[in-house]
Amino acid sequence: IREIDRLAEDVADLDRDITREAVMMCKSGG
């Protein structure tokens, strides 16, 4: 369970980086 919580934090960090790229795409109308 401690490992699952740590991996959940890693997924949240990666999602944040990916969504930043998505926001840049949204600004271009994509």
PDB file of all heavy atoms in Angstrom:
ATOM      1  N   ILE A   1       0.835  -1.209   0.000  1.00  0.00           N
ATOM      2  CA  ILE A   1       0.000   0.000   0.000  1.00  0.00           C
ATOM      3  C   ILE A   1       0.869   1.258   0.000  1.00  0.00           C
ATOM      4  O   ILE A   1       0.548   2.247  -0.678  1.00  0.00           O
ATOM      5  CB  ILE A   1      -0.951  -0.026   1.211  1.00  0.00           C
ATOM      6  CG1 ILE A   1      -2.020  -1.113   1.003  1.00  0.00           C
ATOM      7  CG2 ILE A   1      -1.611   1.324   1.413  1.00  0.00           C
ATOM      8  CD1 ILE A   1      -3.006  -1.237   2.137  1.00  0.00           C
ATOM      9  N   ARG A   2       1.990   1.218   0.748  1.00  0.00           N
ATOM     10  CA  ARG A   2       2.896   2.365   0.698  1.00  0.00           C
ATOM     11  C   ARG A   2       3.471   2.534  -0.709  1.00  0.00           C
ATOM     12  O   ARG A   2       3.638   3.672  -1.184  1.00  0.00           O
ATOM     13  CB  ARG A   2       4.018   2.179   1.720  1.00  0.00           C
ATOM     14  CG  ARG A   2       3.568   2.335   3.162  1.00  0.00           C
ATOM     15  CD  ARG A   2       4.768   2.506   4.074  1.00  0.00           C
ATOM     16  NE  ARG A   2       5.645   1.339   4.043  1.00  0.00           N
ATOM     17  CZ  ARG A   2       5.551   0.305   4.873  1.00  0.00           C
ATOM     18  NH1 ARG A   2       4.587   0.274   5.799  1.00  0.00           N
ATOM     19  NH2 ARG A   2       6.403  -0.700   4.790  1.00  0.00           N
ATOM     20  N   GLU A   3       3.770   1.432  -1.361  1.00  0.00           N
ATOM     21  CA  GLU A   3       4.276   1.516  -2.738  1.00  0.00           C
ATOM     22  C   GLU A   3       3.203   2.048  -3.686  1.00  0.00           C
ATOM     23  O   GLU A   3       3.500   2.835  -4.593  1.00  0.00           O
ATOM     24  CB  GLU A   3       4.741   0.125  -3.191  1.00  0.00           C
ATOM     25  CG  GLU A   3       5.301   0.069  -4.592  1.00  0.00           C
ATOM     26  CD  GLU A   3       6.645   0.762  -4.727  1.00  0.00           C
ATOM     27  OE1 GLU A   3       7.232   1.114  -3.685  1.00  0.00           O
ATOM     28  OE2 GLU A   3       7.105   0.940  -5.868  1.00  0.00           O
ATOM     29  N   ILE A   4       1.962   1.663  -3.483  1.00  0.00           N
ATOM     30  CA  ILE A   4       0.866   2.160  -4.326  1.00  0.00           C
ATOM     31  C   ILE A   4       0.700   3.667  -4.148  1.00  0.00           C
ATOM     32  O   ILE A   4       0.496   4.406  -5.122  1.00  0.00           O
ATOM     33  CB  ILE A   4      -0.433   1.401  -3.989  1.00  0.00           C
ATOM     34  CG1 ILE A   4      -0.333  -0.052  -4.441  1.00  0.00           C
ATOM     35  CG2 ILE A   4      -1.636   2.072  -4.634  1.00  0.00           C
ATOM     36  CD1 ILE A   4      -1.483  -0.916  -3.971  1.00  0.00           C
ATOM     37  N   ASP A   5       0.793   4.140  -2.913  1.00  0.00           N
ATOM     38  CA  ASP A   5       0.687   5.581  -2.674  1.00  0.00           C
ATOM     39  C   ASP A   5       1.841   6.341  -3.327  1.00  0.00           C
ATOM     40  O   ASP A   5       1.639   7.435  -3.891  1.00  0.00           O
ATOM     41  CB  ASP A   5       0.657   5.861  -1.178  1.00  0.00           C
ATOM     42  CG  ASP A   5      -0.599   5.316  -0.517  1.00  0.00           C
ATOM     43  OD1 ASP A   5      -1.603   5.120  -1.243  1.00  0.00           O
ATOM     44  OD2 ASP A   5      -0.574   5.066   0.710  1.00  0.00           O
ATOM     45  N   ARG A   6       3.025   5.788  -3.274  1.00  0.00           N
ATOM     46  CA  ARG A   6       4.170   6.457  -3.904  1.00  0.00           C
ATOM     47  C   ARG A   6       4.005   6.490  -5.418  1.00  0.00           C
ATOM     48  O   ARG A   6       4.287   7.518  -6.060  1.00  0.00           O
ATOM     49  CB  ARG A   6       5.465   5.736  -3.537  1.00  0.00           C
ATOM     50  CG  ARG A   6       6.725   6.452  -4.010  1.00  0.00           C
ATOM     51  CD  ARG A   6       7.941   5.584  -3.821  1.00  0.00           C
ATOM     52  NE  ARG A   6       7.873   4.387  -4.652  1.00  0.00           N
ATOM     53  CZ  ARG A   6       8.205   4.366  -5.947  1.00  0.00           C
ATOM     54  NH1 ARG A   6       8.594   5.476  -6.543  1.00  0.00           N
ATOM     55  NH2 ARG A   6       8.134   3.247  -6.627  1.00  0.00           N
ATOM     56  N   LEU A   7       3.547   5.391  -6.001  1.00  0.00           N
ATOM     57  CA  LEU A   7       3.334   5.358  -7.447  1.00  0.00           C
ATOM     58  C   LEU A   7       2.209   6.293  -7.865  1.00  0.00           C
ATOM     59  O   LEU A   7       2.249   6.865  -8.962  1.00  0.00           O
ATOM     60  CB  LEU A   7       3.026   3.920  -7.889  1.00  0.00           C
ATOM     61  CG  LEU A   7       4.170   2.916  -7.745  1.00  0.00           C
ATOM     62  CD1 LEU A   7       3.689   1.514  -8.076  1.00  0.00           C
ATOM     63  CD2 LEU A   7       5.339   3.301  -8.643  1.00  0.00           C
ATOM     64  N   ALA A   8       1.204   6.455  -7.000  1.00  0.00           N
ATOM     65  CA  ALA A   8       0.129   7.402  -7.310  1.00  0.00           C
ATOM     66  C   ALA A   8       0.661   8.829  -7.400  1.00  0.00           C
ATOM     67  O   ALA A   8       0.233   9.618  -8.248  1.00  0.00           O
ATOM     68  CB  ALA A   8      -0.975   7.304  -6.261  1.00  0.00           C
ATOM     69  N   GLU A   9       1.618   9.169  -6.536  1.00  0.00           N
ATOM     70  CA  GLU A   9       2.233  10.493  -6.621  1.00  0.00           C
ATOM     71  C   GLU A   9       3.024  10.650  -7.918  1.00  0.00           C
ATOM     72  O   GLU A   9       3.012  11.719  -8.539  1.00  0.00           O
ATOM     73  CB  GLU A   9       3.137  10.711  -5.413  1.00  0.00           C
ATOM     74  CG  GLU A   9       2.396  10.748  -4.077  1.00  0.00           C
ATOM     75  CD  GLU A   9       3.337  10.900  -2.905  1.00  0.00           C
ATOM     76  OE1 GLU A   9       4.567  10.935  -3.144  1.00  0.00           O
ATOM     77  OE2 GLU A   9       2.854  10.992  -1.759  1.00  0.00           O
ATOM     78  N   ASP A  10       3.714   9.584  -8.332  1.00  0.00           N
ATOM     79  CA  ASP A  10       4.460   9.652  -9.597  1.00  0.00           C
ATOM     80  C   ASP A  10       3.513   9.828 -10.779  1.00  0.00           C
ATOM     81  O   ASP A  10       3.797  10.604 -11.704  1.00  0.00           O
ATOM     82  CB  ASP A  10       5.289   8.384  -9.773  1.00  0.00           C
ATOM     83  CG  ASP A  10       6.385   8.263  -8.729  1.00  0.00           C
ATOM     84  OD1 ASP A  10       6.700   9.290  -8.091  1.00  0.00           O
ATOM     85  OD2 ASP A  10       6.915   7.154  -8.541  1.00  0.00           O
ATOM     86  N   VAL A  11       2.384   9.122 -10.763  1.00  0.00           N
ATOM     87  CA  VAL A  11       1.409   9.271 -11.839  1.00  0.00           C
ATOM     88  C   VAL A  11       0.844  10.685 -11.874  1.00  0.00           C
ATOM     89  O   VAL A  11       0.656  11.278 -12.945  1.00  0.00           O
ATOM     90  CB  VAL A  11       0.280   8.228 -11.684  1.00  0.00           C
ATOM     91  CG1 VAL A  11      -0.845   8.486 -12.673  1.00  0.00           C
ATOM     92  CG2 VAL A  11       0.827   6.825 -11.883  1.00  0.00           C
ATOM     93  N   ALA A  12       0.602  11.258 -10.691  1.00  0.00           N
ATOM     94  CA  ALA A  12       0.084  12.634 -10.640  1.00  0.00           C
ATOM     95  C   ALA A  12       1.096  13.622 -11.213  1.00  0.00           C
ATOM     96  O   ALA A  12       0.731  14.557 -11.942  1.00  0.00           O
ATOM     97  CB  ALA A  12      -0.271  12.997  -9.204  1.00  0.00           C
ATOM     98  N   ASP A  13       2.386  13.425 -10.906  1.00  0.00           N
ATOM     99  CA  ASP A  13       3.415  14.315 -11.460  1.00  0.00           C
ATOM    100  C   ASP A  13       3.502  14.176 -12.979  1.00  0.00           C
ATOM    101  O   ASP A  13       3.615  15.183 -13.701  1.00  0.00           O
ATOM    102  CB  ASP A  13       4.770  14.000 -10.826  1.00  0.00           C
ATOM    103  CG  ASP A  13       4.790  14.330  -9.341  1.00  0.00           C
ATOM    104  OD1 ASP A  13       3.945  15.141  -8.912  1.00  0.00           O
ATOM    105  OD2 ASP A  13       5.634  13.757  -8.616  1.00  0.00           O
ATOM    106  N   LEU A  14       3.450  12.951 -13.489  1.00  0.00           N
ATOM    107  CA  LEU A  14       3.506  12.745 -14.929  1.00  0.00           C
ATOM    108  C   LEU A  14       2.261  13.305 -15.609  1.00  0.00           C
ATOM    109  O   LEU A  14       2.354  13.888 -16.704  1.00  0.00           O
ATOM    110  CB  LEU A  14       3.665  11.256 -15.241  1.00  0.00           C
ATOM    111  CG  LEU A  14       5.014  10.643 -14.859  1.00  0.00           C
ATOM    112  CD1 LEU A  14       4.978   9.132 -15.005  1.00  0.00           C
ATOM    113  CD2 LEU A  14       6.129  11.220 -15.717  1.00  0.00           C
ATOM    114  N   ASP A  15       1.103  13.135 -14.980  1.00  0.00           N
ATOM    115  CA  ASP A  15      -0.123  13.716 -15.538  1.00  0.00           C
ATOM    116  C   ASP A  15      -0.027  15.241 -15.614  1.00  0.00           C
ATOM    117  O   ASP A  15      -0.502  15.844 -16.588  1.00  0.00           O
ATOM    118  CB  ASP A  15      -1.329  13.316 -14.692  1.00  0.00           C
ATOM    119  CG  ASP A  15      -1.766  11.887 -14.949  1.00  0.00           C
ATOM    120  OD1 ASP A  15      -1.366  11.340 -15.985  1.00  0.00           O
ATOM    121  OD2 ASP A  15      -2.505  11.331 -14.119  1.00  0.00           O
ATOM    122  N   ARG A  16       0.590  15.838 -14.627  1.00  0.00           N
ATOM    123  CA  ARG A  16       0.741  17.293 -14.637  1.00  0.00           C
ATOM    124  C   ARG A  16       1.625  17.738 -15.808  1.00  0.00           C
ATOM    125  O   ARG A  16       1.313  18.709 -16.505  1.00  0.00           O
ATOM    126  CB  ARG A  16       1.329  17.765 -13.314  1.00  0.00           C
ATOM    127  CG  ARG A  16       1.309  19.277 -13.150  1.00  0.00           C
ATOM    128  CD  ARG A  16       1.883  19.683 -11.812  1.00  0.00           C
ATOM    129  NE  ARG A  16       1.168  19.038 -10.706  1.00  0.00           N
ATOM    130  CZ  ARG A  16       1.673  18.064  -9.957  1.00  0.00           C
ATOM    131  NH1 ARG A  16       2.897  17.618 -10.196  1.00  0.00           N
ATOM    132  NH2 ARG A  16       0.973  17.526  -8.975  1.00  0.00           N
ATOM    133  N   ASP A  17       2.707  17.002 -16.056  1.00  0.00           N
ATOM    134  CA  ASP A  17       3.579  17.356 -17.180  1.00  0.00           C
ATOM    135  C   ASP A  17       2.887  17.139 -18.520  1.00  0.00           C
ATOM    136  O   ASP A  17       3.036  17.948 -19.445  1.00  0.00           O
ATOM    137  CB  ASP A  17       4.867  16.536 -17.118  1.00  0.00           C
ATOM    138  CG  ASP A  17       5.704  16.872 -15.887  1.00  0.00           C
ATOM    139  OD1 ASP A  17       5.537  17.985 -15.355  1.00  0.00           O
ATOM    140  OD2 ASP A  17       6.500  16.018 -15.463  1.00  0.00           O
ATOM    141  N   ILE A  18       2.123  16.047 -18.621  1.00  0.00           N
ATOM    142  CA  ILE A  18       1.430  15.775 -19.879  1.00  0.00           C
ATOM    143  C   ILE A  18       0.330  16.794 -20.125  1.00  0.00           C
ATOM    144  O   ILE A  18       0.118  17.253 -21.260  1.00  0.00           O
ATOM    145  CB  ILE A  18       0.874  14.337 -19.868  1.00  0.00           C
ATOM    146  CG1 ILE A  18       2.027  13.325 -19.836  1.00  0.00           C
ATOM    147  CG2 ILE A  18       0.005  14.079 -21.090  1.00  0.00           C
ATOM    148  CD1 ILE A  18       1.573  11.894 -19.695  1.00  0.00           C
ATOM    149  N   THR A  19      -0.390  17.168 -19.075  1.00  0.00           N
ATOM    150  CA  THR A  19      -1.468  18.133 -19.259  1.00  0.00           C
ATOM    151  C   THR A  19      -0.931  19.515 -19.620  1.00  0.00           C
ATOM    152  O   THR A  19      -1.609  20.279 -20.309  1.00  0.00           O
ATOM    153  CB  THR A  19      -2.306  18.235 -17.974  1.00  0.00           C
ATOM    154  OG1 THR A  19      -1.437  18.424 -16.846  1.00  0.00           O
ATOM    155  CG2 THR A  19      -3.138  16.987 -17.776  1.00  0.00           C
ATOM    156  N   ARG A  20       0.265  19.837 -19.181  1.00  0.00           N
ATOM    157  CA  ARG A  20       0.855  21.107 -19.612  1.00  0.00           C
ATOM    158  C   ARG A  20       1.085  21.123 -21.114  1.00  0.00           C
ATOM    159  O   ARG A  20       0.871  22.138 -21.780  1.00  0.00           O
ATOM    160  CB  ARG A  20       2.165  21.341 -18.859  1.00  0.00           C
ATOM    161  CG  ARG A  20       1.969  21.718 -17.388  1.00  0.00           C
ATOM    162  CD  ARG A  20       3.282  21.779 -16.651  1.00  0.00           C
ATOM    163  NE  ARG A  20       3.074  22.109 -15.242  1.00  0.00           N
ATOM    164  CZ  ARG A  20       4.026  22.047 -14.312  1.00  0.00           C
ATOM    165  NH1 ARG A  20       5.259  21.683 -14.652  1.00  0.00           N
ATOM    166  NH2 ARG A  20       3.751  22.356 -13.050  1.00  0.00           N
ATOM    167  N   GLU A  21       1.524  19.991 -21.650  1.00  0.00           N
ATOM    168  CA  GLU A  21       1.657  19.908 -23.104  1.00  0.00           C
ATOM    169  C   GLU A  21       0.294  20.006 -23.782  1.00  0.00           C
ATOM    170  O   GLU A  21       0.156  20.608 -24.849  1.00  0.00           O
ATOM    171  CB  GLU A  21       2.341  18.589 -23.485  1.00  0.00           C
ATOM    172  CG  GLU A  21       3.760  18.447 -22.968  1.00  0.00           C
ATOM    173  CD  GLU A  21       4.721  19.399 -23.662  1.00  0.00           C
ATOM    174  OE1 GLU A  21       4.402  19.836 -24.784  1.00  0.00           O
ATOM    175  OE2 GLU A  21       5.777  19.700 -23.072  1.00  0.00           O
ATOM    176  N   ALA A  22      -0.723  19.412 -23.155  1.00  0.00           N
ATOM    177  CA  ALA A  22      -2.064  19.488 -23.724  1.00  0.00           C
ATOM    178  C   ALA A  22      -2.599  20.913 -23.711  1.00  0.00           C
ATOM    179  O   ALA A  22      -3.299  21.346 -24.634  1.00  0.00           O
ATOM    180  CB  ALA A  22      -3.014  18.558 -22.967  1.00  0.00           C
ATOM    181  N   VAL A  23      -2.280  21.661 -22.658  1.00  0.00           N
ATOM    182  CA  VAL A  23      -2.722  23.056 -22.594  1.00  0.00           C
ATOM    183  C   VAL A  23      -2.081  23.871 -23.705  1.00  0.00           C
ATOM    184  O   VAL A  23      -2.724  24.736 -24.322  1.00  0.00           O
ATOM    185  CB  VAL A  23      -2.390  23.644 -21.209  1.00  0.00           C
ATOM    186  CG1 VAL A  23      -2.591  25.149 -21.201  1.00  0.00           C
ATOM    187  CG2 VAL A  23      -3.262  22.997 -20.145  1.00  0.00           C
ATOM    188  N   MET A  24      -0.819  23.616 -23.995  1.00  0.00           N
ATOM    189  CA  MET A  24      -0.168  24.312 -25.100  1.00  0.00           C
ATOM    190  C   MET A  24      -0.839  23.981 -26.421  1.00  0.00           C
ATOM    191  O   MET A  24      -0.985  24.833 -27.299  1.00  0.00           O
ATOM    192  CB  MET A  24       1.309  23.916 -25.152  1.00  0.00           C
ATOM    193  CG  MET A  24       2.105  24.351 -23.931  1.00  0.00           C
ATOM    194  SD  MET A  24       2.106  26.147 -23.703  1.00  0.00           S
ATOM    195  CE  MET A  24       2.975  26.634 -25.185  1.00  0.00           C
ATOM    196  N   MET A  25      -1.302  22.743 -26.561  1.00  0.00           N
ATOM    197  CA  MET A  25      -2.014  22.373 -27.777  1.00  0.00           C
ATOM    198  C   MET A  25      -3.381  23.040 -27.828  1.00  0.00           C
ATOM    199  O   MET A  25      -3.869  23.422 -28.906  1.00  0.00           O
ATOM    200  CB  MET A  25      -2.172  20.854 -27.842  1.00  0.00           C
ATOM    201  CG  MET A  25      -2.788  20.351 -29.136  1.00  0.00           C
ATOM    202  SD  MET A  25      -3.153  18.592 -29.062  1.00  0.00           S
ATOM    203  CE  MET A  25      -4.431  18.588 -27.818  1.00  0.00           C
ATOM    204  N   CYS A  26      -4.032  23.210 -26.677  1.00  0.00           N
ATOM    205  CA  CYS A  26      -5.341  23.864 -26.657  1.00  0.00           C
ATOM    206  C   CYS A  26      -5.240  25.315 -27.110  1.00  0.00           C
ATOM    207  O   CYS A  26      -6.150  25.825 -27.772  1.00  0.00           O
ATOM    208  CB  CYS A  26      -5.934  23.802 -25.246  1.00  0.00           C
ATOM    209  SG  CYS A  26      -6.356  22.143 -24.699  1.00  0.00           S
ATOM    210  N   LYS A  27      -4.139  25.981 -26.780  1.00  0.00           N
ATOM    211  CA  LYS A  27      -3.981  27.365 -27.184  1.00  0.00           C
ATOM    212  C   LYS A  27      -3.890  27.514 -28.696  1.00  0.00           C
ATOM    213  O   LYS A  27      -4.242  28.548 -29.249  1.00  0.00           O
ATOM    214  CB  LYS A  27      -2.749  27.958 -26.523  1.00  0.00           C
ATOM    215  CG  LYS A  27      -2.868  28.083 -25.008  1.00  0.00           C
ATOM    216  CD  LYS A  27      -1.620  28.688 -24.413  1.00  0.00           C
ATOM    217  CE  LYS A  27      -1.763  28.813 -22.885  1.00  0.00           C
ATOM    218  NZ  LYS A  27      -0.549  29.380 -22.269  1.00  0.00           N
ATOM    219  N   SER A  28      -3.408  26.471 -29.380  1.00  0.00           N
ATOM    220  CA  SER A  28      -3.325  26.506 -30.836  1.00  0.00           C
ATOM    221  C   SER A  28      -4.600  26.025 -31.502  1.00  0.00           C
ATOM    222  O   SER A  28      -4.633  25.870 -32.725  1.00  0.00           O
ATOM    223  CB  SER A  28      -2.142  25.661 -31.311  1.00  0.00           C
ATOM    224  OG  SER A  28      -2.300  24.308 -30.925  1.00  0.00           O
ATOM    225  N   GLY A  29      -5.659  25.755 -30.713  1.00  0.00           N
ATOM    226  CA  GLY A  29      -6.941  25.356 -31.281  1.00  0.00           C
ATOM    227  C   GLY A  29      -7.062  23.885 -31.593  1.00  0.00           C
ATOM    228  O   GLY A  29      -7.929  23.478 -32.368  1.00  0.00           O
ATOM    229  N   GLY A  30      -6.192  23.061 -31.008  1.00  0.00           N
ATOM    230  CA  GLY A  30      -6.232  21.654 -31.340  1.00  0.00           C
ATOM    231  C   GLY A  30      -7.077  20.808 -30.419  1.00  0.00           C
ATOM    232  O   GLY A  30      -7.209  19.613 -30.647  1.00  0.00           O
TER     233      GLY A  30
END
